[in-house]
Amino acid sequence: QVQLVESGGGVVQAGGSLRLTCTASESIASSLTMGWYRQAPGKQHELVATIRSTGTTNYGDSVKGRFTISKDNAKNTIYLQMNSLKPEDTAVYYCWRPTHWGQGTQVTVSS
C-alpha cells in the first residue's frame, strides 16, 4: 500500500507563495501520472496540476501561470510551487497518484 505524505501547507497573505511537498513511500519513477487536487469547503474536488512520467505537466485553468508542479524521482517526491496566491486558493490540497490519495494539507490565503 503506497503512502503519500503531504507537507508545506499553512496560512499566507494574498500575493504570497507556498511550496507543497508530497513524498511517496515507494518509487514514483514508474508512476505514469501524479498530481495535486484541492477541495474547498462546500465544493467538489478540483484538479490543480498533474505531471506524467515523461515530465509533461497539466494545470487547472484557475492556477495556470501561478502554480508549478515538479518532481524528483530520486527523492520519491513531487512539489507544487504556488505563487501569487489568492483567497480563492484556500482549500485542502491532496497529493494523488492513481488509486492513492494523501491525507491532505490545508492552505489558507488571507485577504
PDB file of N, CA and C in Angstrom:
ATOM      1  N   GLN A   1       0.842  -1.182   0.000  1.00  0.00           N
ATOM      2  CA  GLN A   1       0.000   0.000   0.000  1.00  0.00           C
ATOM      3  C   GLN A   1       0.889   1.247   0.000  1.00  0.00           C
ATOM      4  N   VAL A   2       0.799   2.016  -1.064  1.00  0.00           N
ATOM      5  CA  VAL A   2       1.606   3.227  -1.166  1.00  0.00           C
ATOM      6  C   VAL A   2       1.046   4.286  -0.230  1.00  0.00           C
ATOM      7  N   GLN A   3       1.920   4.956   0.451  1.00  0.00           N
ATOM      8  CA  GLN A   3       1.512   6.094   1.275  1.00  0.00           C
ATOM      9  C   GLN A   3       2.056   7.380   0.669  1.00  0.00           C
ATOM     10  N   LEU A   4       1.206   8.398   0.668  1.00  0.00           N
ATOM     11  CA  LEU A   4       1.576   9.716   0.173  1.00  0.00           C
ATOM     12  C   LEU A   4       1.455  10.692   1.330  1.00  0.00           C
ATOM     13  N   VAL A   5       2.521  11.384   1.634  1.00  0.00           N
ATOM     14  CA  VAL A   5       2.530  12.296   2.780  1.00  0.00           C
ATOM     15  C   VAL A   5       2.814  13.705   2.297  1.00  0.00           C
ATOM     16  N   GLU A   6       1.830  14.589   2.512  1.00  0.00           N
ATOM     17  CA  GLU A   6       1.973  15.979   2.103  1.00  0.00           C
ATOM     18  C   GLU A   6       2.502  16.825   3.257  1.00  0.00           C
ATOM     19  N   SER A   7       3.144  17.915   2.899  1.00  0.00           N
ATOM     20  CA  SER A   7       3.569  18.916   3.866  1.00  0.00           C
ATOM     21  C   SER A   7       3.695  20.248   3.154  1.00  0.00           C
ATOM     22  N   GLY A   8       3.812  21.309   3.940  1.00  0.00           N
ATOM     23  CA  GLY A   8       4.054  22.623   3.372  1.00  0.00           C
ATOM     24  C   GLY A   8       2.876  23.565   3.389  1.00  0.00           C
ATOM     25  N   GLY A   9       1.711  23.071   3.805  1.00  0.00           N
ATOM     26  CA  GLY A   9       0.565  23.958   3.872  1.00  0.00           C
ATOM     27  C   GLY A   9       0.714  24.975   4.996  1.00  0.00           C
ATOM     28  N   GLY A  10      -0.193  25.935   5.018  1.00  0.00           N
ATOM     29  CA  GLY A  10      -0.143  26.940   6.063  1.00  0.00           C
ATOM     30  C   GLY A  10      -1.012  28.124   5.718  1.00  0.00           C
ATOM     31  N   VAL A  11      -0.782  29.214   6.430  1.00  0.00           N
ATOM     32  CA  VAL A  11      -1.527  30.453   6.235  1.00  0.00           C
ATOM     33  C   VAL A  11      -0.602  31.477   5.605  1.00  0.00           C
ATOM     34  N   VAL A  12      -1.083  32.119   4.542  1.00  0.00           N
ATOM     35  CA  VAL A  12      -0.275  33.098   3.842  1.00  0.00           C
ATOM     36  C   VAL A  12      -1.182  34.233   3.381  1.00  0.00           C
ATOM     37  N   GLN A  13      -0.618  35.411   3.250  1.00  0.00           N
ATOM     38  CA  GLN A  13      -1.401  36.545   2.752  1.00  0.00           C
ATOM     39  C   GLN A  13      -1.529  36.473   1.238  1.00  0.00           C
ATOM     40  N   ALA A  14      -2.585  37.079   0.748  1.00  0.00           N
ATOM     41  CA  ALA A  14      -2.774  37.138  -0.694  1.00  0.00           C
ATOM     42  C   ALA A  14      -1.540  37.742  -1.364  1.00  0.00           C
ATOM     43  N   GLY A  15      -1.151  37.130  -2.474  1.00  0.00           N
ATOM     44  CA  GLY A  15       0.047  37.553  -3.175  1.00  0.00           C
ATOM     45  C   GLY A  15       1.296  36.799  -2.766  1.00  0.00           C
ATOM     46  N   GLY A  16       1.189  36.035  -1.697  1.00  0.00           N
ATOM     47  CA  GLY A  16       2.332  35.285  -1.197  1.00  0.00           C
ATOM     48  C   GLY A  16       2.523  33.963  -1.903  1.00  0.00           C
ATOM     49  N   SER A  17       3.477  33.182  -1.390  1.00  0.00           N
ATOM     50  CA  SER A  17       3.840  31.908  -2.003  1.00  0.00           C
ATOM     51  C   SER A  17       3.941  30.810  -0.952  1.00  0.00           C
ATOM     52  N   LEU A  18       3.700  29.610  -1.404  1.00  0.00           N
ATOM     53  CA  LEU A  18       3.919  28.410  -0.597  1.00  0.00           C
ATOM     54  C   LEU A  18       4.415  27.306  -1.511  1.00  0.00           C
ATOM     55  N   ARG A  19       5.146  26.362  -0.954  1.00  0.00           N
ATOM     56  CA  ARG A  19       5.538  25.177  -1.701  1.00  0.00           C
ATOM     57  C   ARG A  19       5.064  23.936  -0.959  1.00  0.00           C
ATOM     58  N   LEU A  20       4.263  23.153  -1.631  1.00  0.00           N
ATOM     59  CA  LEU A  20       3.796  21.891  -1.069  1.00  0.00           C
ATOM     60  C   LEU A  20       4.705  20.757  -1.517  1.00  0.00           C
ATOM     61  N   THR A  21       4.873  19.791  -0.625  1.00  0.00           N
ATOM     62  CA  THR A  21       5.699  18.620  -0.902  1.00  0.00           C
ATOM     63  C   THR A  21       4.882  17.361  -0.650  1.00  0.00           C
ATOM     64  N   CYS A  22       5.043  16.385  -1.521  1.00  0.00           N
ATOM     65  CA  CYS A  22       4.399  15.082  -1.349  1.00  0.00           C
ATOM     66  C   CYS A  22       5.458  14.011  -1.539  1.00  0.00           C
ATOM     67  N   THR A  23       5.684  13.240  -0.487  1.00  0.00           N
ATOM     68  CA  THR A  23       6.668  12.174  -0.548  1.00  0.00           C
ATOM     69  C   THR A  23       5.960  10.827  -0.499  1.00  0.00           C
ATOM     70  N   ALA A  24       6.310   9.971  -1.448  1.00  0.00           N
ATOM     71  CA  ALA A  24       5.708   8.643  -1.542  1.00  0.00           C
ATOM     72  C   ALA A  24       6.570   7.617  -0.811  1.00  0.00           C
ATOM     73  N   SER A  25       5.904   6.560  -0.349  1.00  0.00           N
ATOM     74  CA  SER A  25       6.609   5.515   0.406  1.00  0.00           C
ATOM     75  C   SER A  25       7.322   4.520  -0.509  1.00  0.00           C
ATOM     76  N   GLU A  26       7.126   4.681  -1.811  1.00  0.00           N
ATOM     77  CA  GLU A  26       7.840   3.832  -2.755  1.00  0.00           C
ATOM     78  C   GLU A  26       8.206   4.653  -3.986  1.00  0.00           C
ATOM     79  N   SER A  27       8.952   4.055  -4.868  1.00  0.00           N
ATOM     80  CA  SER A  27       9.447   4.779  -6.041  1.00  0.00           C
ATOM     81  C   SER A  27       8.296   5.350  -6.869  1.00  0.00           C
ATOM     82  N   ILE A  28       8.475   6.583  -7.312  1.00  0.00           N
ATOM     83  CA  ILE A  28       7.490   7.207  -8.190  1.00  0.00           C
ATOM     84  C   ILE A  28       7.931   7.187  -9.640  1.00  0.00           C
ATOM     85  N   ALA A  29       9.112   6.664  -9.880  1.00  0.00           N
ATOM     86  CA  ALA A  29       9.664   6.721 -11.236  1.00  0.00           C
ATOM     87  C   ALA A  29       8.764   6.024 -12.252  1.00  0.00           C
ATOM     88  N   SER A  30       8.061   4.984 -11.796  1.00  0.00           N
ATOM     89  CA  SER A  30       7.223   4.231 -12.722  1.00  0.00           C
ATOM     90  C   SER A  30       5.788   4.727 -12.753  1.00  0.00           C
ATOM     91  N   SER A  31       5.491   5.733 -11.937  1.00  0.00           N
ATOM     92  CA  SER A  31       4.117   6.257 -11.918  1.00  0.00           C
ATOM     93  C   SER A  31       3.850   7.035 -13.197  1.00  0.00           C
ATOM     94  N   LEU A  32       2.840   6.608 -13.941  1.00  0.00           N
ATOM     95  CA  LEU A  32       2.523   7.303 -15.180  1.00  0.00           C
ATOM     96  C   LEU A  32       2.136   8.750 -14.917  1.00  0.00           C
ATOM     97  N   THR A  33       1.378   8.944 -13.855  1.00  0.00           N
ATOM     98  CA  THR A  33       0.918  10.293 -13.536  1.00  0.00           C
ATOM     99  C   THR A  33       0.840  10.461 -12.026  1.00  0.00           C
ATOM    100  N   MET A  34       1.204  11.631 -11.556  1.00  0.00           N
ATOM    101  CA  MET A  34       0.949  12.038 -10.183  1.00  0.00           C
ATOM    102  C   MET A  34       0.472  13.477 -10.222  1.00  0.00           C
ATOM    103  N   GLY A  35      -0.101  13.915  -9.118  1.00  0.00           N
ATOM    104  CA  GLY A  35      -0.556  15.286  -9.153  1.00  0.00           C
ATOM    105  C   GLY A  35      -1.130  15.784  -7.858  1.00  0.00           C
ATOM    106  N   TRP A  36      -1.764  16.948  -7.982  1.00  0.00           N
ATOM    107  CA  TRP A  36      -2.404  17.618  -6.856  1.00  0.00           C
ATOM    108  C   TRP A  36      -3.842  17.968  -7.214  1.00  0.00           C
ATOM    109  N   TYR A  37      -4.709  17.721  -6.257  1.00  0.00           N
ATOM    110  CA  TYR A  37      -6.091  18.175  -6.336  1.00  0.00           C
ATOM    111  C   TYR A  37      -6.358  19.011  -5.093  1.00  0.00           C
ATOM    112  N   ARG A  38      -7.441  19.755  -5.106  1.00  0.00           N
ATOM    113  CA  ARG A  38      -7.815  20.516  -3.921  1.00  0.00           C
ATOM    114  C   ARG A  38      -9.318  20.497  -3.746  1.00  0.00           C
ATOM    115  N   GLN A  39      -9.727  20.723  -2.509  1.00  0.00           N
ATOM    116  CA  GLN A  39     -11.153  20.793  -2.197  1.00  0.00           C
ATOM    117  C   GLN A  39     -11.397  21.914  -1.215  1.00  0.00           C
ATOM    118  N   ALA A  40     -12.179  22.878  -1.645  1.00  0.00           N
ATOM    119  CA  ALA A  40     -12.582  23.976  -0.782  1.00  0.00           C
ATOM    120  C   ALA A  40     -13.892  23.605  -0.087  1.00  0.00           C
ATOM    121  N   PRO A  41     -14.187  24.226   1.046  1.00  0.00           N
ATOM    122  CA  PRO A  41     -15.429  23.908   1.755  1.00  0.00           C
ATOM    123  C   PRO A  41     -16.657  24.072   0.863  1.00  0.00           C
ATOM    124  N   GLY A  42     -17.481  23.035   0.838  1.00  0.00           N
ATOM    125  CA  GLY A  42     -18.702  23.079   0.056  1.00  0.00           C
ATOM    126  C   GLY A  42     -18.524  22.903  -1.435  1.00  0.00           C
ATOM    127  N   LYS A  43     -17.300  22.615  -1.865  1.00  0.00           N
ATOM    128  CA  LYS A  43     -17.045  22.463  -3.304  1.00  0.00           C
ATOM    129  C   LYS A  43     -16.502  21.069  -3.597  1.00  0.00           C
ATOM    130  N   GLN A  44     -16.562  20.709  -4.871  1.00  0.00           N
ATOM    131  CA  GLN A  44     -16.034  19.407  -5.292  1.00  0.00           C
ATOM    132  C   GLN A  44     -14.517  19.464  -5.429  1.00  0.00           C
ATOM    133  N   HIS A  45     -13.941  18.260  -5.496  1.00  0.00           N
ATOM    134  CA  HIS A  45     -12.506  18.175  -5.786  1.00  0.00           C
ATOM    135  C   HIS A  45     -12.223  18.867  -7.116  1.00  0.00           C
ATOM    136  N   GLU A  46     -11.119  19.573  -7.150  1.00  0.00           N
ATOM    137  CA  GLU A  46     -10.723  20.312  -8.350  1.00  0.00           C
ATOM    138  C   GLU A  46      -9.294  19.956  -8.716  1.00  0.00           C
ATOM    139  N   LEU A  47      -9.075  19.683 -10.000  1.00  0.00           N
ATOM    140  CA  LEU A  47      -7.721  19.430 -10.460  1.00  0.00           C
ATOM    141  C   LEU A  47      -6.877  20.691 -10.288  1.00  0.00           C
ATOM    142  N   VAL A  48      -5.695  20.521  -9.708  1.00  0.00           N
ATOM    143  CA  VAL A  48      -4.737  21.618  -9.623  1.00  0.00           C
ATOM    144  C   VAL A  48      -3.661  21.432 -10.689  1.00  0.00           C
ATOM    145  N   ALA A  49      -2.977  20.293 -10.629  1.00  0.00           N
ATOM    146  CA  ALA A  49      -1.894  20.036 -11.581  1.00  0.00           C
ATOM    147  C   ALA A  49      -1.539  18.563 -11.579  1.00  0.00           C
ATOM    148  N   THR A  50      -1.093  18.082 -12.730  1.00  0.00           N
ATOM    149  CA  THR A  50      -0.568  16.723 -12.824  1.00  0.00           C
ATOM    150  C   THR A  50       0.757  16.743 -13.562  1.00  0.00           C
ATOM    151  N   ILE A  51       1.537  15.695 -13.332  1.00  0.00           N
ATOM    152  CA  ILE A  51       2.817  15.544 -14.030  1.00  0.00           C
ATOM    153  C   ILE A  51       2.964  14.080 -14.416  1.00  0.00           C
ATOM    154  N   ARG A  52       3.291  13.854 -15.657  1.00  0.00           N
ATOM    155  CA  ARG A  52       3.448  12.492 -16.159  1.00  0.00           C
ATOM    156  C   ARG A  52       4.891  12.028 -15.981  1.00  0.00           C
ATOM    157  N   SER A  53       5.100  10.737 -16.185  1.00  0.00           N
ATOM    158  CA  SER A  53       6.449  10.175 -16.053  1.00  0.00           C
ATOM    159  C   SER A  53       7.411  10.822 -17.044  1.00  0.00           C
ATOM    160  N   THR A  54       6.870  11.321 -18.159  1.00  0.00           N
ATOM    161  CA  THR A  54       7.707  11.985 -19.166  1.00  0.00           C
ATOM    162  C   THR A  54       8.083  13.398 -18.756  1.00  0.00           C
ATOM    163  N   GLY A  55       7.403  13.894 -17.718  1.00  0.00           N
ATOM    164  CA  GLY A  55       7.626  15.274 -17.300  1.00  0.00           C
ATOM    165  C   GLY A  55       6.574  16.235 -17.828  1.00  0.00           C
ATOM    166  N   THR A  56       5.713  15.759 -18.682  1.00  0.00           N
ATOM    167  CA  THR A  56       4.638  16.601 -19.202  1.00  0.00           C
ATOM    168  C   THR A  56       3.699  17.018 -18.070  1.00  0.00           C
ATOM    169  N   THR A  57       3.366  18.288 -18.051  1.00  0.00           N
ATOM    170  CA  THR A  57       2.516  18.825 -16.987  1.00  0.00           C
ATOM    171  C   THR A  57       1.177  19.313 -17.527  1.00  0.00           C
ATOM    172  N   ASN A  58       0.208  19.359 -16.612  1.00  0.00           N
ATOM    173  CA  ASN A  58      -1.118  19.842 -16.952  1.00  0.00           C
ATOM    174  C   ASN A  58      -1.642  20.612 -15.747  1.00  0.00           C
ATOM    175  N   TYR A  59      -2.330  21.729 -16.015  1.00  0.00           N
ATOM    176  CA  TYR A  59      -2.802  22.584 -14.921  1.00  0.00           C
ATOM    177  C   TYR A  59      -4.285  22.900 -15.068  1.00  0.00           C
ATOM    178  N   GLY A  60      -4.930  23.061 -13.915  1.00  0.00           N
ATOM    179  CA  GLY A  60      -6.282  23.571 -13.938  1.00  0.00           C
ATOM    180  C   GLY A  60      -6.272  25.024 -14.382  1.00  0.00           C
ATOM    181  N   ASP A  61      -7.345  25.450 -15.015  1.00  0.00           N
ATOM    182  CA  ASP A  61      -7.389  26.797 -15.580  1.00  0.00           C
ATOM    183  C   ASP A  61      -7.174  27.873 -14.515  1.00  0.00           C
ATOM    184  N   SER A  62      -7.654  27.632 -13.316  1.00  0.00           N
ATOM    185  CA  SER A  62      -7.599  28.671 -12.287  1.00  0.00           C
ATOM    186  C   SER A  62      -6.192  28.889 -11.725  1.00  0.00           C
ATOM    187  N   VAL A  63      -5.261  27.985 -12.008  1.00  0.00           N
ATOM    188  CA  VAL A  63      -3.913  28.123 -11.441  1.00  0.00           C
ATOM    189  C   VAL A  63      -2.832  28.292 -12.506  1.00  0.00           C
ATOM    190  N   LYS A  64      -3.215  28.218 -13.762  1.00  0.00           N
ATOM    191  CA  LYS A  64      -2.222  28.346 -14.832  1.00  0.00           C
ATOM    192  C   LYS A  64      -1.473  29.666 -14.717  1.00  0.00           C
ATOM    193  N   GLY A  65      -0.167  29.578 -14.857  1.00  0.00           N
ATOM    194  CA  GLY A  65       0.665  30.766 -14.796  1.00  0.00           C
ATOM    195  C   GLY A  65       1.077  31.156 -13.388  1.00  0.00           C
ATOM    196  N   ARG A  66       0.466  30.536 -12.385  1.00  0.00           N
ATOM    197  CA  ARG A  66       0.795  30.860 -10.986  1.00  0.00           C
ATOM    198  C   ARG A  66       1.422  29.680 -10.241  1.00  0.00           C
ATOM    199  N   PHE A  67       0.992  28.481 -10.573  1.00  0.00           N
ATOM    200  CA  PHE A  67       1.464  27.279  -9.892  1.00  0.00           C
ATOM    201  C   PHE A  67       2.373  26.484 -10.827  1.00  0.00           C
ATOM    202  N   THR A  68       3.338  25.784 -10.221  1.00  0.00           N
ATOM    203  CA  THR A  68       4.240  24.924 -10.981  1.00  0.00           C
ATOM    204  C   THR A  68       4.403  23.594 -10.272  1.00  0.00           C
ATOM    205  N   ILE A  69       4.153  22.522 -11.002  1.00  0.00           N
ATOM    206  CA  ILE A  69       4.364  21.179 -10.452  1.00  0.00           C
ATOM    207  C   ILE A  69       5.690  20.636 -10.958  1.00  0.00           C
ATOM    208  N   SER A  70       6.384  19.934 -10.076  1.00  0.00           N
ATOM    209  CA  SER A  70       7.648  19.318 -10.459  1.00  0.00           C
ATOM    210  C   SER A  70       7.838  18.041  -9.649  1.00  0.00           C
ATOM    211  N   LYS A  71       8.870  17.282  -9.996  1.00  0.00           N
ATOM    212  CA  LYS A  71       9.108  16.050  -9.252  1.00  0.00           C
ATOM    213  C   LYS A  71      10.594  15.747  -9.187  1.00  0.00           C
ATOM    214  N   ASP A  72      10.938  14.948  -8.204  1.00  0.00           N
ATOM    215  CA  ASP A  72      12.298  14.470  -8.030  1.00  0.00           C
ATOM    216  C   ASP A  72      12.199  12.966  -7.811  1.00  0.00           C
ATOM    217  N   ASN A  73      12.434  12.203  -8.865  1.00  0.00           N
ATOM    218  CA  ASN A  73      12.285  10.749  -8.759  1.00  0.00           C
ATOM    219  C   ASN A  73      13.234  10.158  -7.710  1.00  0.00           C
ATOM    220  N   ALA A  74      14.411  10.721  -7.585  1.00  0.00           N
ATOM    221  CA  ALA A  74      15.389  10.181  -6.637  1.00  0.00           C
ATOM    222  C   ALA A  74      14.906  10.305  -5.193  1.00  0.00           C
ATOM    223  N   LYS A  75      14.056  11.305  -4.944  1.00  0.00           N
ATOM    224  CA  LYS A  75      13.527  11.516  -3.598  1.00  0.00           C
ATOM    225  C   LYS A  75      12.098  11.019  -3.444  1.00  0.00           C
ATOM    226  N   ASN A  76      11.557  10.419  -4.501  1.00  0.00           N
ATOM    227  CA  ASN A  76      10.159   9.948  -4.477  1.00  0.00           C
ATOM    228  C   ASN A  76       9.212  11.067  -4.073  1.00  0.00           C
ATOM    229  N   THR A  77       9.455  12.240  -4.604  1.00  0.00           N
ATOM    230  CA  THR A  77       8.738  13.434  -4.149  1.00  0.00           C
ATOM    231  C   THR A  77       8.244  14.256  -5.329  1.00  0.00           C
ATOM    232  N   ILE A  78       7.040  14.792  -5.180  1.00  0.00           N
ATOM    233  CA  ILE A  78       6.568  15.804  -6.105  1.00  0.00           C
ATOM    234  C   ILE A  78       6.334  17.089  -5.330  1.00  0.00           C
ATOM    235  N   TYR A  79       6.355  18.197  -6.048  1.00  0.00           N
ATOM    236  CA  TYR A  79       6.235  19.504  -5.430  1.00  0.00           C
ATOM    237  C   TYR A  79       5.147  20.310  -6.139  1.00  0.00           C
ATOM    238  N   LEU A  80       4.613  21.266  -5.416  1.00  0.00           N
ATOM    239  CA  LEU A  80       3.719  22.248  -6.017  1.00  0.00           C
ATOM    240  C   LEU A  80       4.140  23.623  -5.516  1.00  0.00           C
ATOM    241  N   GLN A  81       4.758  24.385  -6.400  1.00  0.00           N
ATOM    242  CA  GLN A  81       5.125  25.759  -6.076  1.00  0.00           C
ATOM    243  C   GLN A  81       3.946  26.652  -6.406  1.00  0.00           C
ATOM    244  N   MET A  82       3.447  27.349  -5.404  1.00  0.00           N
ATOM    245  CA  MET A  82       2.263  28.198  -5.564  1.00  0.00           C
ATOM    246  C   MET A  82       2.655  29.649  -5.343  1.00  0.00           C
ATOM    247  N   ASN A  83       2.535  30.449  -6.385  1.00  0.00           N
ATOM    248  CA  ASN A  83       2.855  31.872  -6.320  1.00  0.00           C
ATOM    249  C   ASN A  83       1.599  32.702  -6.556  1.00  0.00           C
ATOM    250  N   SER A  84       1.692  33.967  -6.199  1.00  0.00           N
ATOM    251  CA  SER A  84       0.570  34.904  -6.404  1.00  0.00           C
ATOM    252  C   SER A  84      -0.735  34.315  -5.872  1.00  0.00           C
ATOM    253  N   LEU A  85      -0.676  33.812  -4.670  1.00  0.00           N
ATOM    254  CA  LEU A  85      -1.834  33.141  -4.084  1.00  0.00           C
ATOM    255  C   LEU A  85      -2.989  34.111  -3.878  1.00  0.00           C
ATOM    256  N   LYS A  86      -4.194  33.572  -4.057  1.00  0.00           N
ATOM    257  CA  LYS A  86      -5.417  34.342  -3.910  1.00  0.00           C
ATOM    258  C   LYS A  86      -6.291  33.705  -2.819  1.00  0.00           C
ATOM    259  N   PRO A  87      -7.182  34.478  -2.226  1.00  0.00           N
ATOM    260  CA  PRO A  87      -8.071  33.886  -1.214  1.00  0.00           C
ATOM    261  C   PRO A  87      -8.852  32.684  -1.750  1.00  0.00           C
ATOM    262  N   GLU A  88      -9.183  32.702  -3.028  1.00  0.00           N
ATOM    263  CA  GLU A  88      -9.932  31.580  -3.610  1.00  0.00           C
ATOM    264  C   GLU A  88      -9.086  30.317  -3.772  1.00  0.00           C
ATOM    265  N   ASP A  89      -7.792  30.405  -3.492  1.00  0.00           N
ATOM    266  CA  ASP A  89      -6.946  29.201  -3.486  1.00  0.00           C
ATOM    267  C   ASP A  89      -7.048  28.452  -2.157  1.00  0.00           C
ATOM    268  N   THR A  90      -7.743  29.039  -1.197  1.00  0.00           N
ATOM    269  CA  THR A  90      -7.910  28.387   0.095  1.00  0.00           C
ATOM    270  C   THR A  90      -8.633  27.059  -0.062  1.00  0.00           C
ATOM    271  N   ALA A  91      -8.002  25.987   0.420  1.00  0.00           N
ATOM    272  CA  ALA A  91      -8.560  24.642   0.258  1.00  0.00           C
ATOM    273  C   ALA A  91      -7.654  23.642   0.965  1.00  0.00           C
ATOM    274  N   VAL A  92      -8.127  22.412   1.044  1.00  0.00           N
ATOM    275  CA  VAL A  92      -7.254  21.307   1.422  1.00  0.00           C
ATOM    276  C   VAL A  92      -6.667  20.745   0.128  1.00  0.00           C
ATOM    277  N   TYR A  93      -5.368  20.634   0.096  1.00  0.00           N
ATOM    278  CA  TYR A  93      -4.665  20.164  -1.087  1.00  0.00           C
ATOM    279  C   TYR A  93      -4.248  18.710  -0.869  1.00  0.00           C
ATOM    280  N   TYR A  94      -4.573  17.884  -1.856  1.00  0.00           N
ATOM    281  CA  TYR A  94      -4.306  16.450  -1.772  1.00  0.00           C
ATOM    282  C   TYR A  94      -3.322  16.019  -2.852  1.00  0.00           C
ATOM    283  N   CYS A  95      -2.362  15.240  -2.421  1.00  0.00           N
ATOM    284  CA  CYS A  95      -1.455  14.591  -3.369  1.00  0.00           C
ATOM    285  C   CYS A  95      -2.149  13.340  -3.901  1.00  0.00           C
ATOM    286  N   TRP A  96      -1.921  13.023  -5.165  1.00  0.00           N
ATOM    287  CA  TRP A  96      -2.640  11.919  -5.823  1.00  0.00           C
ATOM    288  C   TRP A  96      -1.731  11.168  -6.774  1.00  0.00           C
ATOM    289  N   ARG A  97      -1.914   9.855  -6.785  1.00  0.00           N
ATOM    290  CA  ARG A  97      -1.466   9.003  -7.879  1.00  0.00           C
ATOM    291  C   ARG A  97      -2.591   8.000  -8.063  1.00  0.00           C
ATOM    292  N   PRO A  98      -2.706   7.388  -9.208  1.00  0.00           N
ATOM    293  CA  PRO A  98      -3.869   6.531  -9.455  1.00  0.00           C
ATOM    294  C   PRO A  98      -4.146   5.550  -8.310  1.00  0.00           C
ATOM    295  N   THR A  99      -5.321   5.621  -7.785  1.00  0.00           N
ATOM    296  CA  THR A  99      -5.881   4.798  -6.696  1.00  0.00           C
ATOM    297  C   THR A  99      -5.332   5.163  -5.317  1.00  0.00           C
ATOM    298  N   HIS A 100      -4.531   6.203  -5.213  1.00  0.00           N
ATOM    299  CA  HIS A 100      -3.989   6.582  -3.910  1.00  0.00           C
ATOM    300  C   HIS A 100      -4.098   8.080  -3.686  1.00  0.00           C
ATOM    301  N   TRP A 101      -4.420   8.445  -2.448  1.00  0.00           N
ATOM    302  CA  TRP A 101      -4.515   9.843  -2.042  1.00  0.00           C
ATOM    303  C   TRP A 101      -3.724  10.048  -0.757  1.00  0.00           C
ATOM    304  N   GLY A 102      -3.178  11.244  -0.622  1.00  0.00           N
ATOM    305  CA  GLY A 102      -2.590  11.631   0.641  1.00  0.00           C
ATOM    306  C   GLY A 102      -3.667  12.084   1.608  1.00  0.00           C
ATOM    307  N   GLN A 103      -3.234  12.475   2.798  1.00  0.00           N
ATOM    308  CA  GLN A 103      -4.196  12.876   3.832  1.00  0.00           C
ATOM    309  C   GLN A 103      -4.640  14.328   3.680  1.00  0.00           C
ATOM    310  N   GLY A 104      -3.931  15.076   2.891  1.00  0.00           N
ATOM    311  CA  GLY A 104      -4.282  16.468   2.636  1.00  0.00           C
ATOM    312  C   GLY A 104      -3.526  17.428   3.531  1.00  0.00           C
ATOM    313  N   THR A 105      -3.319  18.621   3.008  1.00  0.00           N
ATOM    314  CA  THR A 105      -2.690  19.696   3.780  1.00  0.00           C
ATOM    315  C   THR A 105      -3.464  20.981   3.517  1.00  0.00           C
ATOM    316  N   GLN A 106      -3.745  21.710   4.588  1.00  0.00           N
ATOM    317  CA  GLN A 106      -4.582  22.901   4.489  1.00  0.00           C
ATOM    318  C   GLN A 106      -3.760  24.094   4.015  1.00  0.00           C
ATOM    319  N   VAL A 107      -4.295  24.789   3.037  1.00  0.00           N
ATOM    320  CA  VAL A 107      -3.731  26.061   2.583  1.00  0.00           C
ATOM    321  C   VAL A 107      -4.794  27.127   2.783  1.00  0.00           C
ATOM    322  N   THR A 108      -4.437  28.164   3.509  1.00  0.00           N
ATOM    323  CA  THR A 108      -5.356  29.266   3.767  1.00  0.00           C
ATOM    324  C   THR A 108      -4.700  30.561   3.308  1.00  0.00           C
ATOM    325  N   VAL A 109      -5.388  31.283   2.432  1.00  0.00           N
ATOM    326  CA  VAL A 109      -4.880  32.542   1.913  1.00  0.00           C
ATOM    327  C   VAL A 109      -5.773  33.662   2.428  1.00  0.00           C
ATOM    328  N   SER A 110      -5.203  34.557   3.202  1.00  0.00           N
ATOM    329  CA  SER A 110      -5.974  35.650   3.775  1.00  0.00           C
ATOM    330  C   SER A 110      -5.916  36.870   2.870  1.00  0.00           C
ATOM    331  N   SER A 111      -6.992  37.621   2.876  1.00  0.00           N
ATOM    332  CA  SER A 111      -7.058  38.814   2.007  1.00  0.00           C
ATOM    333  C   SER A 111      -6.541  40.050   2.723  1.00  0.00           C
TER     334      SER A 111
END
